[in-house]
């Protein structure tokens, strides 16, 4: 680049504010070169999927805590390969009954818990598949939010009538969680 083609540099600016200069002069180029004024990429924004996973784990911990408080003996996750269903928690109730729990909840989002119809459909499908077993345990869904109306509420009603779900309990509703004592 010829001298008359050099970009304008305001000599009144401190060298660190000039393009291509660090605090101690021109920026080094190449492997291992670092500058205190070099721009660092912005911190990664937590993705929706990552945030969803964190919330799911937190909700599961709350569900496990409630069940333990009610006297359930928690056995952990259970995979039932014969029907292709994974249970979030197999637990033995205070009355000695084994119960299979699925957790569907979060604290954020526009349609948390069972308010999303795709989430509702997955819970119902798992319940229907479990009914194909010779002696299935009661299948209970614990959720953060129940559907209020519309197709989600209609699906829930039909699934309960078909006995695909032994119960659906809202974790944050004390009158709902009281029903967990029956097993």
N, C-alpha and C. Protein backbone atom coordinates (compact mmCIF):
# COMPACT_ATOMS: atom_id res chain seq x y z
N UNK A 1 0.85 -1.16 0.00
CA UNK A 1 0.00 0.00 0.00
C UNK A 1 0.90 1.23 0.00
N UNK A 2 0.66 2.15 -0.85
CA UNK A 2 1.46 3.37 -0.95
C UNK A 2 1.13 4.29 0.20
N UNK A 3 2.05 5.18 0.54
CA UNK A 3 1.87 6.09 1.66
C UNK A 3 0.62 6.94 1.51
N UNK A 4 0.30 7.33 0.25
CA UNK A 4 -0.88 8.17 0.07
C UNK A 4 -2.17 7.35 0.13
N UNK A 5 -2.09 5.98 0.23
CA UNK A 5 -3.27 5.12 0.33
C UNK A 5 -3.53 4.64 1.75
N UNK A 6 -2.68 5.03 2.72
CA UNK A 6 -2.86 4.60 4.10
C UNK A 6 -4.17 5.15 4.65
N UNK A 7 -4.87 4.35 5.44
CA UNK A 7 -6.12 4.84 6.02
C UNK A 7 -5.83 5.95 7.01
N UNK A 8 -6.81 6.83 7.19
CA UNK A 8 -6.67 7.93 8.12
C UNK A 8 -6.63 7.38 9.53
N UNK A 9 -5.64 7.77 10.31
CA UNK A 9 -5.55 7.40 11.71
C UNK A 9 -5.42 8.68 12.49
N UNK A 10 -6.32 8.88 13.44
CA UNK A 10 -6.29 10.07 14.26
C UNK A 10 -5.20 9.89 15.31
N UNK A 11 -4.12 10.62 15.17
CA UNK A 11 -2.99 10.49 16.08
C UNK A 11 -3.34 10.96 17.48
N UNK A 12 -4.44 11.70 17.63
CA UNK A 12 -4.84 12.15 18.95
C UNK A 12 -5.44 11.01 19.77
N UNK A 13 -5.89 9.94 19.11
CA UNK A 13 -6.45 8.80 19.82
C UNK A 13 -5.34 8.02 20.50
N UNK A 14 -5.59 7.48 21.69
CA UNK A 14 -4.58 6.61 22.30
C UNK A 14 -4.35 5.41 21.38
N UNK A 15 -3.16 4.86 21.42
CA UNK A 15 -2.82 3.80 20.48
C UNK A 15 -3.76 2.61 20.61
N UNK A 16 -4.27 2.31 21.81
CA UNK A 16 -5.16 1.17 21.98
C UNK A 16 -6.48 1.38 21.26
N UNK A 17 -6.87 2.62 21.01
CA UNK A 17 -8.14 2.90 20.34
C UNK A 17 -7.98 2.97 18.83
N UNK A 18 -6.72 2.97 18.35
CA UNK A 18 -6.48 3.04 16.91
C UNK A 18 -6.67 1.67 16.28
N UNK A 19 -7.21 1.61 15.10
CA UNK A 19 -7.36 0.32 14.42
C UNK A 19 -6.01 -0.35 14.22
N UNK A 20 -5.93 -1.64 14.58
CA UNK A 20 -4.70 -2.40 14.36
C UNK A 20 -3.63 -2.18 15.40
N UNK A 21 -3.95 -1.51 16.50
CA UNK A 21 -2.95 -1.25 17.54
C UNK A 21 -3.45 -1.70 18.90
N UNK A 22 -2.55 -2.25 19.68
CA UNK A 22 -2.84 -2.60 21.06
C UNK A 22 -2.30 -1.50 21.95
N UNK A 23 -2.21 -1.73 23.25
CA UNK A 23 -1.70 -0.72 24.16
C UNK A 23 -0.23 -0.45 23.93
N UNK A 24 0.47 -1.45 23.45
CA UNK A 24 1.91 -1.30 23.29
C UNK A 24 2.33 -1.24 21.84
N UNK A 25 1.48 -0.78 20.97
CA UNK A 25 1.87 -0.68 19.57
C UNK A 25 1.04 -1.58 18.70
N UNK A 26 1.53 -1.87 17.48
CA UNK A 26 0.77 -2.69 16.55
C UNK A 26 0.50 -4.08 17.13
N UNK A 27 -0.68 -4.59 16.80
CA UNK A 27 -1.05 -5.93 17.27
C UNK A 27 -0.21 -6.98 16.57
N UNK A 28 0.18 -7.98 17.32
CA UNK A 28 0.93 -9.09 16.74
C UNK A 28 -0.03 -9.96 15.95
N UNK A 29 0.45 -10.56 14.93
CA UNK A 29 -0.37 -11.43 14.10
C UNK A 29 0.29 -12.79 14.09
N UNK A 30 -0.52 -13.85 14.14
CA UNK A 30 0.04 -15.19 14.05
C UNK A 30 -0.31 -16.02 15.26
N UNK A 31 0.20 -17.24 15.26
CA UNK A 31 -0.11 -18.19 16.32
C UNK A 31 0.41 -17.69 17.64
N UNK A 32 -0.41 -17.82 18.68
CA UNK A 32 0.01 -17.46 20.02
C UNK A 32 -0.04 -15.98 20.30
N UNK A 33 -0.34 -15.16 19.32
CA UNK A 33 -0.40 -13.73 19.55
C UNK A 33 -1.67 -13.40 20.31
N UNK A 34 -1.53 -12.57 21.32
CA UNK A 34 -2.69 -12.15 22.09
C UNK A 34 -2.53 -10.69 22.43
N UNK A 35 -3.62 -10.03 22.60
CA UNK A 35 -3.59 -8.63 22.96
C UNK A 35 -4.65 -8.38 24.00
N UNK A 36 -4.35 -7.55 24.98
CA UNK A 36 -5.36 -7.26 25.97
C UNK A 36 -6.57 -6.53 25.38
N UNK A 37 -6.39 -5.93 24.23
CA UNK A 37 -7.51 -5.20 23.64
C UNK A 37 -8.19 -5.99 22.53
N UNK A 38 -7.70 -7.19 22.26
CA UNK A 38 -8.34 -7.99 21.22
C UNK A 38 -9.77 -8.29 21.63
N UNK A 39 -10.66 -8.21 20.68
CA UNK A 39 -12.06 -8.49 20.99
C UNK A 39 -12.26 -9.98 21.20
N UNK A 40 -12.93 -10.32 22.28
CA UNK A 40 -13.24 -11.70 22.54
C UNK A 40 -14.66 -11.96 22.07
N UNK A 41 -14.93 -13.17 21.61
CA UNK A 41 -16.29 -13.46 21.19
C UNK A 41 -17.23 -13.32 22.37
N UNK A 42 -18.46 -12.90 22.14
CA UNK A 42 -19.40 -12.76 23.25
C UNK A 42 -19.67 -14.11 23.90
N UNK A 43 -20.00 -14.06 25.17
CA UNK A 43 -20.31 -15.30 25.87
C UNK A 43 -21.44 -16.00 25.15
N UNK A 44 -21.35 -17.30 25.08
CA UNK A 44 -22.37 -18.07 24.38
C UNK A 44 -23.72 -17.90 25.06
N UNK A 45 -24.73 -17.65 24.30
CA UNK A 45 -26.07 -17.54 24.83
C UNK A 45 -26.59 -18.96 25.04
N UNK A 46 -27.18 -19.18 26.20
CA UNK A 46 -27.68 -20.51 26.50
C UNK A 46 -28.81 -20.85 25.53
N UNK A 47 -28.68 -21.95 24.87
CA UNK A 47 -29.67 -22.34 23.88
C UNK A 47 -30.97 -22.77 24.55
N UNK A 48 -32.03 -22.72 23.78
CA UNK A 48 -33.34 -23.16 24.27
C UNK A 48 -33.26 -24.59 24.76
N UNK A 49 -32.59 -25.46 23.99
CA UNK A 49 -32.49 -26.87 24.34
C UNK A 49 -31.74 -27.05 25.66
N UNK A 50 -30.64 -26.32 25.84
CA UNK A 50 -29.86 -26.44 27.08
C UNK A 50 -30.69 -25.95 28.26
N UNK A 51 -31.36 -24.84 28.10
CA UNK A 51 -32.20 -24.30 29.16
C UNK A 51 -33.33 -25.25 29.50
N UNK A 52 -33.91 -25.86 28.48
CA UNK A 52 -34.98 -26.82 28.68
C UNK A 52 -34.49 -28.03 29.47
N UNK A 53 -33.30 -28.51 29.16
CA UNK A 53 -32.73 -29.64 29.88
C UNK A 53 -32.49 -29.32 31.34
N UNK A 54 -31.98 -28.13 31.61
CA UNK A 54 -31.73 -27.71 32.99
C UNK A 54 -33.05 -27.64 33.75
N UNK A 55 -34.06 -27.03 33.14
CA UNK A 55 -35.36 -26.93 33.79
C UNK A 55 -35.96 -28.31 34.04
N UNK A 56 -35.81 -29.21 33.07
CA UNK A 56 -36.33 -30.56 33.23
C UNK A 56 -35.70 -31.28 34.41
N UNK A 57 -34.38 -31.13 34.55
CA UNK A 57 -33.69 -31.76 35.68
C UNK A 57 -34.14 -31.15 37.01
N UNK A 58 -34.31 -29.83 37.04
CA UNK A 58 -34.78 -29.17 38.26
C UNK A 58 -36.19 -29.64 38.63
N UNK A 59 -37.05 -29.76 37.62
CA UNK A 59 -38.41 -30.22 37.88
C UNK A 59 -38.39 -31.66 38.40
N UNK A 60 -37.57 -32.50 37.80
CA UNK A 60 -37.46 -33.89 38.25
C UNK A 60 -37.00 -33.97 39.70
N UNK A 61 -36.07 -33.11 40.08
CA UNK A 61 -35.60 -33.08 41.47
C UNK A 61 -36.73 -32.70 42.41
N UNK A 62 -37.56 -31.74 41.99
CA UNK A 62 -38.70 -31.33 42.81
C UNK A 62 -39.69 -32.50 42.96
N UNK A 63 -39.94 -33.21 41.87
CA UNK A 63 -40.86 -34.35 41.91
C UNK A 63 -40.31 -35.43 42.83
N UNK A 64 -39.03 -35.76 42.69
CA UNK A 64 -38.42 -36.77 43.55
C UNK A 64 -38.49 -36.37 45.02
N UNK A 65 -38.25 -35.09 45.30
CA UNK A 65 -38.31 -34.59 46.67
C UNK A 65 -39.71 -34.76 47.24
N UNK A 66 -40.72 -34.41 46.46
CA UNK A 66 -42.11 -34.57 46.92
C UNK A 66 -42.42 -36.04 47.20
N UNK A 67 -42.08 -36.92 46.27
CA UNK A 67 -42.38 -38.34 46.46
C UNK A 67 -41.68 -38.89 47.70
N UNK A 68 -40.42 -38.54 47.89
CA UNK A 68 -39.69 -39.00 49.08
C UNK A 68 -40.36 -38.46 50.35
N UNK A 69 -40.78 -37.22 50.32
CA UNK A 69 -41.45 -36.60 51.46
C UNK A 69 -42.76 -37.33 51.79
N UNK A 70 -43.43 -37.83 50.76
CA UNK A 70 -44.69 -38.54 50.96
C UNK A 70 -44.49 -40.00 51.37
N UNK A 71 -43.23 -40.44 51.46
CA UNK A 71 -42.94 -41.79 51.91
C UNK A 71 -42.67 -42.80 50.83
N UNK A 72 -42.49 -42.36 49.60
CA UNK A 72 -42.15 -43.28 48.50
C UNK A 72 -40.70 -43.70 48.60
N UNK A 73 -40.44 -44.92 48.25
CA UNK A 73 -39.07 -45.42 48.10
C UNK A 73 -38.74 -45.32 46.61
N UNK A 74 -37.80 -44.46 46.26
CA UNK A 74 -37.46 -44.20 44.85
C UNK A 74 -36.47 -45.24 44.34
N UNK A 75 -36.80 -45.83 43.21
CA UNK A 75 -35.93 -46.83 42.59
C UNK A 75 -35.17 -46.29 41.39
N UNK A 76 -35.58 -45.15 40.86
CA UNK A 76 -34.88 -44.55 39.72
C UNK A 76 -35.56 -44.83 38.39
N UNK A 77 -34.86 -44.44 37.33
CA UNK A 77 -35.37 -44.63 35.97
C UNK A 77 -35.55 -46.10 35.66
N UNK A 78 -36.51 -46.37 34.79
CA UNK A 78 -36.70 -47.76 34.36
C UNK A 78 -37.03 -47.75 32.88
N UNK A 79 -36.35 -48.61 32.15
CA UNK A 79 -36.60 -48.77 30.72
C UNK A 79 -37.35 -50.07 30.52
N UNK A 80 -38.45 -49.98 29.78
CA UNK A 80 -39.26 -51.16 29.48
C UNK A 80 -39.13 -51.43 27.99
N UNK A 81 -38.08 -52.17 27.59
CA UNK A 81 -37.80 -52.36 26.16
C UNK A 81 -38.90 -53.11 25.41
N UNK A 82 -39.68 -53.92 26.11
CA UNK A 82 -40.72 -54.67 25.43
C UNK A 82 -41.82 -53.79 24.83
N UNK A 83 -41.94 -52.55 25.34
CA UNK A 83 -42.91 -51.60 24.76
C UNK A 83 -42.24 -50.29 24.34
N UNK A 84 -40.93 -50.18 24.56
CA UNK A 84 -40.19 -49.00 24.13
C UNK A 84 -40.46 -47.75 24.94
N UNK A 85 -40.70 -47.90 26.25
CA UNK A 85 -41.01 -46.77 27.11
C UNK A 85 -39.97 -46.64 28.21
N UNK A 86 -39.58 -45.40 28.49
CA UNK A 86 -38.68 -45.11 29.61
C UNK A 86 -39.48 -44.37 30.67
N UNK A 87 -39.44 -44.88 31.88
CA UNK A 87 -40.14 -44.29 33.01
C UNK A 87 -39.15 -43.38 33.74
N UNK A 88 -39.60 -42.17 34.09
CA UNK A 88 -38.72 -41.24 34.80
C UNK A 88 -38.39 -41.71 36.21
N UNK A 89 -39.38 -42.30 36.88
CA UNK A 89 -39.14 -42.76 38.25
C UNK A 89 -40.06 -43.94 38.56
N UNK A 90 -39.44 -45.04 38.96
CA UNK A 90 -40.23 -46.15 39.50
C UNK A 90 -40.12 -46.01 41.01
N UNK A 91 -41.26 -46.02 41.69
CA UNK A 91 -41.25 -45.82 43.14
C UNK A 91 -42.28 -46.73 43.80
N UNK A 92 -41.98 -47.09 45.04
CA UNK A 92 -42.91 -47.88 45.83
C UNK A 92 -43.55 -46.94 46.84
N UNK A 93 -44.88 -46.88 46.77
CA UNK A 93 -45.63 -45.97 47.64
C UNK A 93 -45.66 -46.44 49.08
N UNK A 94 -46.11 -45.57 49.96
CA UNK A 94 -46.20 -45.93 51.38
C UNK A 94 -47.08 -47.15 51.63
N UNK A 95 -48.05 -47.43 50.73
CA UNK A 95 -48.92 -48.59 50.87
C UNK A 95 -48.34 -49.84 50.24
N UNK A 96 -47.14 -49.76 49.66
CA UNK A 96 -46.48 -50.93 49.09
C UNK A 96 -46.69 -51.13 47.59
N UNK A 97 -47.43 -50.23 46.93
CA UNK A 97 -47.69 -50.36 45.50
C UNK A 97 -46.57 -49.73 44.69
N UNK A 98 -46.10 -50.45 43.67
CA UNK A 98 -45.12 -49.88 42.74
C UNK A 98 -45.88 -48.98 41.77
N UNK A 99 -45.36 -47.77 41.57
CA UNK A 99 -45.98 -46.78 40.67
C UNK A 99 -44.91 -46.29 39.71
N UNK A 100 -45.31 -46.12 38.45
CA UNK A 100 -44.42 -45.55 37.44
C UNK A 100 -44.79 -44.10 37.23
N UNK A 101 -43.80 -43.22 37.36
CA UNK A 101 -44.02 -41.79 37.22
C UNK A 101 -43.33 -41.23 35.99
N UNK A 102 -44.02 -40.34 35.33
CA UNK A 102 -43.42 -39.55 34.25
C UNK A 102 -43.53 -38.10 34.66
N UNK A 103 -42.44 -37.36 34.46
CA UNK A 103 -42.39 -35.96 34.85
C UNK A 103 -42.45 -35.08 33.60
N UNK A 104 -43.40 -34.15 33.60
CA UNK A 104 -43.57 -33.22 32.47
C UNK A 104 -43.72 -31.82 33.04
N UNK A 105 -42.61 -31.10 33.14
CA UNK A 105 -42.75 -29.78 33.70
C UNK A 105 -41.58 -28.86 33.47
N UNK A 106 -41.86 -27.58 33.61
CA UNK A 106 -40.85 -26.54 33.54
C UNK A 106 -41.44 -25.28 34.16
N UNK A 107 -40.60 -24.30 34.34
CA UNK A 107 -41.07 -23.06 34.95
C UNK A 107 -41.15 -21.91 33.96
N UNK A 108 -40.63 -22.09 32.78
CA UNK A 108 -40.62 -21.03 31.78
C UNK A 108 -41.27 -21.52 30.50
N UNK A 109 -41.48 -20.59 29.60
CA UNK A 109 -42.04 -20.93 28.30
C UNK A 109 -43.50 -20.51 28.23
N UNK A 110 -44.00 -20.48 27.01
CA UNK A 110 -45.38 -20.05 26.80
C UNK A 110 -46.38 -21.16 27.11
N UNK A 111 -45.96 -22.41 26.93
CA UNK A 111 -46.85 -23.55 27.18
C UNK A 111 -46.08 -24.63 27.94
N UNK A 112 -45.85 -24.42 29.23
CA UNK A 112 -45.08 -25.40 30.01
C UNK A 112 -45.93 -26.61 30.39
N UNK A 113 -45.24 -27.65 30.86
CA UNK A 113 -45.92 -28.84 31.34
C UNK A 113 -46.74 -29.52 30.27
N UNK A 114 -47.98 -29.87 30.59
CA UNK A 114 -48.86 -30.55 29.65
C UNK A 114 -49.69 -29.59 28.81
N UNK A 115 -49.34 -28.33 28.79
CA UNK A 115 -50.06 -27.37 27.94
C UNK A 115 -49.67 -27.49 26.48
N UNK A 116 -48.55 -28.11 26.20
CA UNK A 116 -48.16 -28.37 24.81
C UNK A 116 -48.80 -29.68 24.39
N UNK A 117 -49.52 -29.67 23.29
CA UNK A 117 -50.21 -30.89 22.87
C UNK A 117 -49.23 -32.00 22.49
N UNK A 118 -48.06 -31.66 21.97
CA UNK A 118 -47.10 -32.72 21.64
C UNK A 118 -46.57 -33.39 22.91
N UNK A 119 -46.42 -32.64 23.97
CA UNK A 119 -46.00 -33.21 25.25
C UNK A 119 -47.11 -34.10 25.81
N UNK A 120 -48.34 -33.62 25.70
CA UNK A 120 -49.49 -34.40 26.16
C UNK A 120 -49.58 -35.71 25.38
N UNK A 121 -49.40 -35.63 24.06
CA UNK A 121 -49.49 -36.83 23.23
C UNK A 121 -48.43 -37.86 23.60
N UNK A 122 -47.23 -37.40 23.93
CA UNK A 122 -46.16 -38.34 24.31
C UNK A 122 -46.52 -39.06 25.61
N UNK A 123 -47.03 -38.33 26.58
CA UNK A 123 -47.43 -38.95 27.85
C UNK A 123 -48.55 -39.97 27.62
N UNK A 124 -49.52 -39.60 26.79
CA UNK A 124 -50.64 -40.50 26.50
C UNK A 124 -50.15 -41.74 25.75
N UNK A 125 -49.28 -41.54 24.77
CA UNK A 125 -48.75 -42.68 24.01
C UNK A 125 -48.00 -43.65 24.92
N UNK A 126 -47.19 -43.10 25.84
CA UNK A 126 -46.48 -43.97 26.78
C UNK A 126 -47.47 -44.76 27.64
N UNK A 127 -48.52 -44.08 28.11
CA UNK A 127 -49.53 -44.75 28.91
C UNK A 127 -50.22 -45.86 28.14
N UNK A 128 -50.54 -45.60 26.88
CA UNK A 128 -51.19 -46.62 26.04
C UNK A 128 -50.26 -47.81 25.82
N UNK A 129 -49.00 -47.55 25.58
CA UNK A 129 -48.03 -48.63 25.37
C UNK A 129 -47.85 -49.46 26.64
N UNK A 130 -47.84 -48.81 27.78
CA UNK A 130 -47.68 -49.53 29.04
C UNK A 130 -48.86 -50.46 29.31
N UNK A 131 -50.03 -50.11 28.81
CA UNK A 131 -51.21 -50.96 28.99
C UNK A 131 -51.08 -52.28 28.23
N UNK A 132 -50.15 -52.35 27.31
CA UNK A 132 -49.93 -53.59 26.56
C UNK A 132 -49.17 -54.63 27.39
N UNK A 133 -48.59 -54.22 28.51
CA UNK A 133 -47.87 -55.14 29.38
C UNK A 133 -48.85 -56.02 30.14
N UNK A 134 -48.42 -57.20 30.53
CA UNK A 134 -49.28 -58.15 31.24
C UNK A 134 -49.77 -57.59 32.58
N UNK A 135 -48.88 -56.93 33.33
CA UNK A 135 -49.24 -56.44 34.66
C UNK A 135 -48.58 -55.07 34.89
N UNK A 136 -49.06 -54.02 34.23
CA UNK A 136 -48.42 -52.72 34.38
C UNK A 136 -48.70 -52.09 35.73
N UNK A 137 -47.74 -51.33 36.22
CA UNK A 137 -47.94 -50.55 37.44
C UNK A 137 -48.80 -49.33 37.09
N UNK A 138 -49.44 -48.73 38.08
CA UNK A 138 -50.14 -47.47 37.78
C UNK A 138 -49.16 -46.47 37.19
N UNK A 139 -49.59 -45.80 36.14
CA UNK A 139 -48.75 -44.82 35.42
C UNK A 139 -49.29 -43.43 35.74
N UNK A 140 -48.49 -42.63 36.44
CA UNK A 140 -48.90 -41.32 36.91
C UNK A 140 -47.99 -40.26 36.31
N UNK A 141 -48.59 -39.23 35.74
CA UNK A 141 -47.83 -38.11 35.20
C UNK A 141 -47.88 -36.98 36.22
N UNK A 142 -46.70 -36.49 36.58
CA UNK A 142 -46.62 -35.30 37.44
C UNK A 142 -46.20 -34.15 36.53
N UNK A 143 -46.96 -33.08 36.56
CA UNK A 143 -46.71 -31.95 35.67
C UNK A 143 -46.66 -30.64 36.44
N UNK A 144 -46.09 -29.65 35.79
CA UNK A 144 -46.07 -28.31 36.37
C UNK A 144 -47.33 -27.54 35.99
N UNK A 145 -47.90 -27.86 34.83
CA UNK A 145 -49.07 -27.12 34.33
C UNK A 145 -50.01 -28.07 33.59
N UNK A 146 -51.26 -28.02 33.93
CA UNK A 146 -52.29 -28.79 33.24
C UNK A 146 -52.87 -27.96 32.10
N UNK A 147 -53.37 -28.61 31.06
CA UNK A 147 -54.04 -27.84 30.02
C UNK A 147 -55.32 -27.24 30.58
N UNK A 148 -55.60 -26.01 30.20
CA UNK A 148 -56.77 -25.32 30.75
C UNK A 148 -58.03 -25.59 29.94
N UNK A 149 -57.89 -25.74 28.65
CA UNK A 149 -59.05 -25.95 27.77
C UNK A 149 -58.55 -26.44 26.42
N UNK A 150 -59.49 -26.61 25.50
CA UNK A 150 -59.13 -26.95 24.13
C UNK A 150 -58.75 -28.39 23.96
N UNK A 151 -57.95 -28.64 22.91
CA UNK A 151 -57.62 -30.02 22.54
C UNK A 151 -56.78 -30.71 23.61
N UNK A 152 -55.91 -30.01 24.30
CA UNK A 152 -55.10 -30.62 25.36
C UNK A 152 -55.97 -31.16 26.48
N UNK A 153 -56.95 -30.38 26.91
CA UNK A 153 -57.87 -30.83 27.97
C UNK A 153 -58.70 -32.01 27.48
N UNK A 154 -59.13 -31.98 26.23
CA UNK A 154 -59.92 -33.07 25.67
C UNK A 154 -59.09 -34.35 25.60
N UNK A 155 -57.83 -34.25 25.20
CA UNK A 155 -56.95 -35.41 25.15
C UNK A 155 -56.76 -36.01 26.54
N UNK A 156 -56.56 -35.14 27.52
CA UNK A 156 -56.35 -35.61 28.89
C UNK A 156 -57.58 -36.36 29.41
N UNK A 157 -58.74 -35.81 29.17
CA UNK A 157 -59.98 -36.46 29.60
C UNK A 157 -60.13 -37.83 28.95
N UNK A 158 -59.90 -37.92 27.66
CA UNK A 158 -60.02 -39.19 26.94
C UNK A 158 -59.01 -40.21 27.46
N UNK A 159 -57.78 -39.78 27.68
CA UNK A 159 -56.74 -40.70 28.16
C UNK A 159 -57.06 -41.26 29.54
N UNK A 160 -57.64 -40.43 30.40
CA UNK A 160 -58.03 -40.91 31.73
C UNK A 160 -59.20 -41.89 31.63
N UNK A 161 -60.16 -41.59 30.75
CA UNK A 161 -61.30 -42.49 30.57
C UNK A 161 -60.86 -43.84 30.01
N UNK A 162 -59.86 -43.82 29.15
CA UNK A 162 -59.33 -45.07 28.58
C UNK A 162 -58.38 -45.78 29.56
N UNK A 163 -58.11 -45.16 30.68
CA UNK A 163 -57.23 -45.67 31.72
C UNK A 163 -55.78 -45.81 31.26
N UNK A 164 -55.39 -44.97 30.31
CA UNK A 164 -53.98 -44.92 29.91
C UNK A 164 -53.16 -44.26 31.01
N UNK A 165 -53.78 -43.39 31.78
CA UNK A 165 -53.13 -42.67 32.87
C UNK A 165 -53.88 -42.98 34.16
N UNK A 166 -53.17 -43.43 35.18
CA UNK A 166 -53.82 -43.67 36.47
C UNK A 166 -54.19 -42.35 37.12
N UNK A 167 -53.35 -41.34 36.91
CA UNK A 167 -53.63 -40.01 37.43
C UNK A 167 -52.68 -39.02 36.77
N UNK A 168 -53.08 -37.77 36.82
CA UNK A 168 -52.22 -36.66 36.40
C UNK A 168 -52.25 -35.66 37.54
N UNK A 169 -51.08 -35.37 38.08
CA UNK A 169 -50.96 -34.56 39.28
C UNK A 169 -50.17 -33.30 38.98
N UNK A 170 -50.72 -32.17 39.39
CA UNK A 170 -49.99 -30.90 39.25
C UNK A 170 -49.13 -30.71 40.50
N UNK A 171 -47.84 -30.64 40.31
CA UNK A 171 -46.88 -30.55 41.42
C UNK A 171 -47.15 -29.36 42.33
N UNK A 172 -47.65 -28.27 41.77
CA UNK A 172 -47.81 -27.04 42.53
C UNK A 172 -49.22 -26.85 43.08
N UNK A 173 -50.03 -27.90 43.06
CA UNK A 173 -51.39 -27.85 43.57
C UNK A 173 -51.52 -28.85 44.72
N UNK A 174 -51.55 -28.35 45.97
CA UNK A 174 -51.60 -29.26 47.12
C UNK A 174 -52.79 -30.22 47.12
N UNK A 175 -53.94 -29.80 46.60
CA UNK A 175 -55.08 -30.72 46.55
C UNK A 175 -54.82 -31.84 45.56
N UNK A 176 -54.02 -31.57 44.54
CA UNK A 176 -53.66 -32.57 43.54
C UNK A 176 -52.61 -33.54 44.09
N UNK A 177 -51.59 -33.02 44.75
CA UNK A 177 -50.50 -33.87 45.26
C UNK A 177 -50.97 -34.78 46.39
N UNK A 178 -52.05 -34.42 47.07
CA UNK A 178 -52.60 -35.26 48.13
C UNK A 178 -53.01 -36.63 47.59
N UNK A 179 -53.44 -36.66 46.33
CA UNK A 179 -53.86 -37.94 45.73
C UNK A 179 -52.71 -38.94 45.63
N UNK A 180 -51.48 -38.48 45.69
CA UNK A 180 -50.33 -39.38 45.60
C UNK A 180 -50.22 -40.31 46.82
N UNK A 181 -50.92 -39.98 47.89
CA UNK A 181 -50.85 -40.80 49.11
C UNK A 181 -51.61 -42.11 49.00
N UNK A 182 -52.40 -42.28 47.94
CA UNK A 182 -53.25 -43.47 47.87
C UNK A 182 -52.50 -44.75 47.50
N UNK A 183 -51.29 -44.68 47.05
CA UNK A 183 -50.56 -45.88 46.65
C UNK A 183 -49.60 -46.28 47.75
